[in-house]
N, C-alpha and C. Protein backbone atom coordinates (compact mmCIF):
# COMPACT_ATOMS: atom_id res chain seq x y z
N UNK A 1 107.39 89.46 117.67
CA UNK A 1 107.59 89.99 116.32
C UNK A 1 108.96 90.64 116.24
N UNK A 2 109.61 90.34 115.19
CA UNK A 2 110.94 90.92 115.01
C UNK A 2 110.83 92.30 114.37
N UNK A 3 111.91 93.02 114.43
CA UNK A 3 111.97 94.37 113.86
C UNK A 3 111.73 94.33 112.36
N UNK A 4 112.27 93.29 111.72
CA UNK A 4 112.13 93.16 110.27
C UNK A 4 110.67 92.94 109.88
N UNK A 5 109.96 92.11 110.65
CA UNK A 5 108.56 91.83 110.32
C UNK A 5 107.68 93.06 110.61
N UNK A 6 108.05 93.87 111.62
CA UNK A 6 107.29 95.10 111.89
C UNK A 6 107.44 96.10 110.74
N UNK A 7 108.65 96.27 110.26
CA UNK A 7 108.88 97.17 109.13
C UNK A 7 108.13 96.67 107.90
N UNK A 8 108.19 95.37 107.67
CA UNK A 8 107.51 94.79 106.52
C UNK A 8 105.99 94.98 106.63
N UNK A 9 105.46 94.80 107.83
CA UNK A 9 104.02 95.01 108.06
C UNK A 9 103.63 96.47 107.88
N UNK A 10 104.50 97.39 108.29
CA UNK A 10 104.24 98.82 108.11
C UNK A 10 104.23 99.19 106.63
N UNK A 11 105.19 98.64 105.89
CA UNK A 11 105.26 98.93 104.46
C UNK A 11 104.08 98.33 103.70
N UNK A 12 103.60 97.19 104.13
CA UNK A 12 102.44 96.57 103.47
C UNK A 12 101.14 97.28 103.85
N UNK A 13 101.12 98.03 104.93
CA UNK A 13 99.92 98.74 105.36
C UNK A 13 99.02 97.88 106.22
N UNK A 14 99.58 96.92 106.96
CA UNK A 14 98.78 96.06 107.83
C UNK A 14 98.06 96.86 108.91
N UNK A 15 98.64 97.99 109.33
CA UNK A 15 98.01 98.79 110.39
C UNK A 15 96.71 99.43 109.91
N UNK A 16 96.46 99.44 108.61
CA UNK A 16 95.22 100.02 108.08
C UNK A 16 94.11 98.99 107.90
N UNK A 17 94.44 97.71 107.94
CA UNK A 17 93.41 96.69 107.65
C UNK A 17 93.18 95.72 108.80
N UNK A 18 93.95 95.74 109.87
CA UNK A 18 93.70 94.80 110.95
C UNK A 18 92.53 95.26 111.81
N UNK A 19 92.18 94.50 112.84
CA UNK A 19 90.93 94.71 113.59
C UNK A 19 90.86 96.03 114.35
N UNK A 20 91.94 96.59 114.83
CA UNK A 20 91.89 97.87 115.54
C UNK A 20 92.34 99.04 114.64
N UNK A 21 92.08 98.95 113.37
CA UNK A 21 92.52 99.98 112.42
C UNK A 21 91.67 101.25 112.47
N UNK A 22 90.47 101.18 113.12
CA UNK A 22 89.61 102.37 113.16
C UNK A 22 90.32 103.54 113.84
N UNK A 23 91.00 103.29 114.94
CA UNK A 23 91.72 104.38 115.62
C UNK A 23 92.86 104.90 114.76
N UNK A 24 93.48 104.03 113.97
CA UNK A 24 94.53 104.48 113.06
C UNK A 24 93.95 105.38 111.97
N UNK A 25 92.80 105.00 111.43
CA UNK A 25 92.16 105.82 110.39
C UNK A 25 91.73 107.18 110.95
N UNK A 26 91.24 107.18 112.18
CA UNK A 26 90.86 108.46 112.80
C UNK A 26 92.08 109.36 112.93
N UNK A 27 93.19 108.80 113.37
CA UNK A 27 94.40 109.58 113.53
C UNK A 27 94.92 110.08 112.18
N UNK A 28 94.89 109.22 111.18
CA UNK A 28 95.34 109.61 109.83
C UNK A 28 94.46 110.71 109.26
N UNK A 29 93.14 110.57 109.44
CA UNK A 29 92.24 111.62 108.93
C UNK A 29 92.45 112.93 109.68
N UNK A 30 92.74 112.86 110.98
CA UNK A 30 93.03 114.06 111.75
C UNK A 30 94.30 114.74 111.23
N UNK A 31 95.33 113.96 110.96
CA UNK A 31 96.58 114.50 110.43
C UNK A 31 96.36 115.13 109.06
N UNK A 32 95.55 114.48 108.21
CA UNK A 32 95.25 115.02 106.88
C UNK A 32 94.49 116.34 107.02
N UNK A 33 93.55 116.41 107.94
CA UNK A 33 92.80 117.64 108.17
C UNK A 33 93.74 118.77 108.63
N UNK A 34 94.66 118.44 109.53
CA UNK A 34 95.63 119.46 109.97
C UNK A 34 96.51 119.92 108.81
N UNK A 35 96.91 119.01 107.96
CA UNK A 35 97.74 119.39 106.81
C UNK A 35 96.96 120.30 105.85
N UNK A 36 95.68 119.99 105.63
CA UNK A 36 94.87 120.84 104.75
C UNK A 36 94.70 122.23 105.35
N UNK A 37 94.50 122.29 106.67
CA UNK A 37 94.41 123.60 107.32
C UNK A 37 95.71 124.38 107.20
N UNK A 38 96.83 123.71 107.32
CA UNK A 38 98.12 124.36 107.20
C UNK A 38 98.32 124.89 105.78
N UNK A 39 97.94 124.12 104.78
CA UNK A 39 98.07 124.56 103.39
C UNK A 39 97.18 125.76 103.12
N UNK A 40 95.94 125.70 103.61
CA UNK A 40 95.01 126.83 103.41
C UNK A 40 95.53 128.08 104.10
N UNK A 41 96.06 127.92 105.30
CA UNK A 41 96.61 129.07 106.03
C UNK A 41 97.81 129.66 105.29
N UNK A 42 98.65 128.81 104.73
CA UNK A 42 99.81 129.27 103.98
C UNK A 42 99.38 130.05 102.75
N UNK A 43 98.38 129.54 102.03
CA UNK A 43 97.89 130.26 100.84
C UNK A 43 97.28 131.61 101.24
N UNK A 44 96.56 131.63 102.33
CA UNK A 44 95.95 132.88 102.79
C UNK A 44 97.01 133.90 103.15
N UNK A 45 98.04 133.47 103.86
CA UNK A 45 99.10 134.42 104.24
C UNK A 45 99.87 134.89 103.01
N UNK A 46 100.10 134.01 102.04
CA UNK A 46 100.78 134.43 100.80
C UNK A 46 99.95 135.49 100.07
N UNK A 47 98.63 135.29 100.03
CA UNK A 47 97.76 136.24 99.37
C UNK A 47 97.82 137.60 100.06
N UNK A 48 97.86 137.59 101.40
CA UNK A 48 97.93 138.86 102.14
C UNK A 48 99.26 139.55 101.92
N UNK A 49 100.34 138.79 101.86
CA UNK A 49 101.66 139.38 101.62
C UNK A 49 101.70 140.03 100.25
N UNK A 50 101.13 139.37 99.25
CA UNK A 50 101.11 139.95 97.90
C UNK A 50 100.24 141.20 97.86
N UNK A 51 99.14 141.22 98.61
CA UNK A 51 98.27 142.40 98.66
C UNK A 51 99.01 143.57 99.32
N UNK A 52 99.75 143.29 100.39
CA UNK A 52 100.51 144.34 101.07
C UNK A 52 101.58 144.91 100.13
N UNK A 53 102.24 144.05 99.38
CA UNK A 53 103.27 144.51 98.43
C UNK A 53 102.64 145.38 97.35
N UNK A 54 101.46 144.97 96.85
CA UNK A 54 100.78 145.76 95.83
C UNK A 54 100.37 147.13 96.38
N UNK A 55 99.86 147.15 97.61
CA UNK A 55 99.45 148.42 98.21
C UNK A 55 100.65 149.33 98.48
N UNK A 56 101.78 148.76 98.89
CA UNK A 56 102.99 149.57 99.09
C UNK A 56 103.45 150.19 97.78
N UNK A 57 103.39 149.42 96.70
CA UNK A 57 103.77 149.95 95.39
C UNK A 57 102.82 151.08 94.99
N UNK A 58 101.52 150.90 95.23
CA UNK A 58 100.54 151.94 94.90
C UNK A 58 100.77 153.19 95.73
N UNK A 59 101.15 153.02 97.00
CA UNK A 59 101.43 154.18 97.86
C UNK A 59 102.62 154.96 97.31
N UNK A 60 103.67 154.26 96.89
CA UNK A 60 104.84 154.94 96.34
C UNK A 60 104.47 155.71 95.08
N UNK A 61 103.64 155.11 94.21
CA UNK A 61 103.24 155.80 92.98
C UNK A 61 102.41 157.03 93.30
N UNK A 62 101.47 156.90 94.23
CA UNK A 62 100.62 158.05 94.58
C UNK A 62 101.44 159.16 95.25
N UNK A 63 102.43 158.77 96.06
CA UNK A 63 103.28 159.78 96.70
C UNK A 63 104.09 160.54 95.64
N UNK A 64 104.60 159.82 94.65
CA UNK A 64 105.36 160.46 93.57
C UNK A 64 104.45 161.40 92.77
N UNK A 65 103.23 160.95 92.49
CA UNK A 65 102.28 161.80 91.77
C UNK A 65 101.95 163.05 92.57
N UNK A 66 101.80 162.90 93.89
CA UNK A 66 101.51 164.05 94.75
C UNK A 66 102.66 165.06 94.70
N UNK A 67 103.89 164.59 94.78
CA UNK A 67 105.05 165.48 94.76
C UNK A 67 105.12 166.21 93.42
N UNK A 68 104.88 165.49 92.32
CA UNK A 68 104.89 166.13 91.00
C UNK A 68 103.82 167.20 90.91
N UNK A 69 102.61 166.87 91.35
CA UNK A 69 101.51 167.83 91.28
C UNK A 69 101.79 169.05 92.16
N UNK A 70 102.37 168.82 93.33
CA UNK A 70 102.69 169.94 94.22
C UNK A 70 103.75 170.84 93.61
N UNK A 71 104.75 170.27 92.96
CA UNK A 71 105.80 171.10 92.36
C UNK A 71 105.23 171.90 91.18
N UNK A 72 104.34 171.30 90.40
CA UNK A 72 103.69 172.03 89.30
C UNK A 72 102.86 173.18 89.86
N UNK A 73 102.14 172.91 90.95
CA UNK A 73 101.32 173.96 91.58
C UNK A 73 102.20 175.09 92.09
N UNK A 74 103.34 174.78 92.69
CA UNK A 74 104.24 175.81 93.19
C UNK A 74 104.78 176.67 92.05
N UNK A 75 105.12 176.03 90.93
CA UNK A 75 105.62 176.79 89.78
C UNK A 75 104.54 177.70 89.22
N UNK A 76 103.28 177.24 89.22
CA UNK A 76 102.19 178.05 88.69
C UNK A 76 101.92 179.26 89.57
N UNK A 77 102.26 179.19 90.86
CA UNK A 77 102.01 180.31 91.78
C UNK A 77 103.09 181.38 91.70
N UNK A 78 104.21 181.09 91.07
CA UNK A 78 105.30 182.06 91.00
C UNK A 78 104.85 183.31 90.23
N UNK A 79 105.36 184.46 90.66
CA UNK A 79 104.98 185.73 90.03
C UNK A 79 105.37 185.76 88.56
N UNK A 80 106.54 185.23 88.22
CA UNK A 80 106.98 185.25 86.83
C UNK A 80 106.06 184.40 85.94
N UNK A 81 105.61 183.27 86.45
CA UNK A 81 104.70 182.41 85.67
C UNK A 81 103.35 183.10 85.50
N UNK A 82 102.88 183.75 86.55
CA UNK A 82 101.60 184.47 86.46
C UNK A 82 101.71 185.59 85.43
N UNK A 83 102.84 186.32 85.42
CA UNK A 83 103.04 187.40 84.45
C UNK A 83 103.00 186.87 83.02
N UNK A 84 103.68 185.76 82.78
CA UNK A 84 103.70 185.18 81.43
C UNK A 84 102.29 184.79 80.99
N UNK A 85 101.54 184.15 81.89
CA UNK A 85 100.19 183.70 81.53
C UNK A 85 99.24 184.87 81.31
N UNK A 86 99.43 185.94 82.05
CA UNK A 86 98.55 187.11 81.91
C UNK A 86 98.90 187.89 80.65
N UNK A 87 100.17 187.96 80.27
CA UNK A 87 100.58 188.67 79.07
C UNK A 87 99.98 188.03 77.81
N UNK A 88 99.78 186.75 77.83
CA UNK A 88 99.16 186.06 76.69
C UNK A 88 97.74 186.57 76.49
N UNK A 89 97.04 186.85 77.58
CA UNK A 89 95.67 187.36 77.50
C UNK A 89 95.66 188.83 77.08
N UNK A 90 96.75 189.54 77.30
CA UNK A 90 96.82 190.94 76.91
C UNK A 90 96.95 191.88 78.09
N UNK A 91 97.04 191.38 79.26
CA UNK A 91 97.20 192.23 80.44
C UNK A 91 98.69 192.39 80.72
N UNK A 92 99.04 193.57 81.22
CA UNK A 92 100.42 193.80 81.61
C UNK A 92 100.46 194.62 82.89
N UNK A 93 101.57 194.58 83.57
CA UNK A 93 101.65 195.30 84.84
C UNK A 93 101.52 196.82 84.62
N UNK A 94 101.00 197.47 85.61
CA UNK A 94 100.80 198.92 85.55
C UNK A 94 102.15 199.63 85.61
N UNK A 95 102.24 200.72 84.83
CA UNK A 95 103.46 201.51 84.82
C UNK A 95 103.54 202.42 86.05
N UNK A 96 102.37 202.86 86.51
CA UNK A 96 102.35 203.75 87.68
C UNK A 96 102.03 202.93 88.92
N UNK A 97 102.70 203.22 89.98
CA UNK A 97 102.44 202.45 91.20
C UNK A 97 101.06 202.81 91.77
N UNK A 98 100.46 201.94 92.51
CA UNK A 98 99.15 202.22 93.10
C UNK A 98 99.25 203.34 94.14
N UNK A 99 98.15 204.09 94.28
CA UNK A 99 98.12 205.17 95.26
C UNK A 99 97.37 204.70 96.49
N UNK A 100 97.85 205.13 97.63
CA UNK A 100 97.22 204.75 98.89
C UNK A 100 96.15 205.76 99.22
N UNK A 101 94.97 205.31 99.50
CA UNK A 101 93.86 206.20 99.87
C UNK A 101 93.67 206.08 101.36
N UNK A 102 93.75 207.21 102.05
CA UNK A 102 93.56 207.22 103.50
C UNK A 102 92.21 207.78 103.80
N UNK A 103 91.48 207.10 104.61
CA UNK A 103 90.16 207.55 105.03
C UNK A 103 90.25 207.98 106.48
N UNK A 104 89.89 209.21 106.72
CA UNK A 104 89.92 209.72 108.08
C UNK A 104 88.48 209.86 108.55
N UNK A 105 88.18 209.16 109.57
CA UNK A 105 86.80 209.23 110.07
C UNK A 105 86.79 210.05 111.37
N UNK A 106 85.78 210.86 111.49
CA UNK A 106 85.65 211.68 112.70
C UNK A 106 84.79 210.95 113.70
N UNK A 107 85.35 210.80 114.86
CA UNK A 107 84.60 210.12 115.92
C UNK A 107 83.74 211.14 116.65
N UNK A 108 82.58 210.81 117.01
CA UNK A 108 81.67 211.72 117.71
C UNK A 108 81.80 211.62 119.18
């Protein structure tokens, strides 16, 4: 067989219909199965990459929210902020300083 007739036979698909074509079909089906597995694996990894990206974005948003909430909490704890909030209710700081009470106990 010449090279030209082999190429022509390959293009016509003679290897799929001659008497020993069963082993060719087995090999072709094996290759197709491997290709399907590769495609499924690729889709699975793409899905995981997108999930990781979504979770990283959510982490950044939650971290920003945490920092904002912490700064608001720090501002609310300041003495000046507490004074302003208490004055609205009608309370004000005492004009006279507190007195220290000392308790002397006698030991027996």
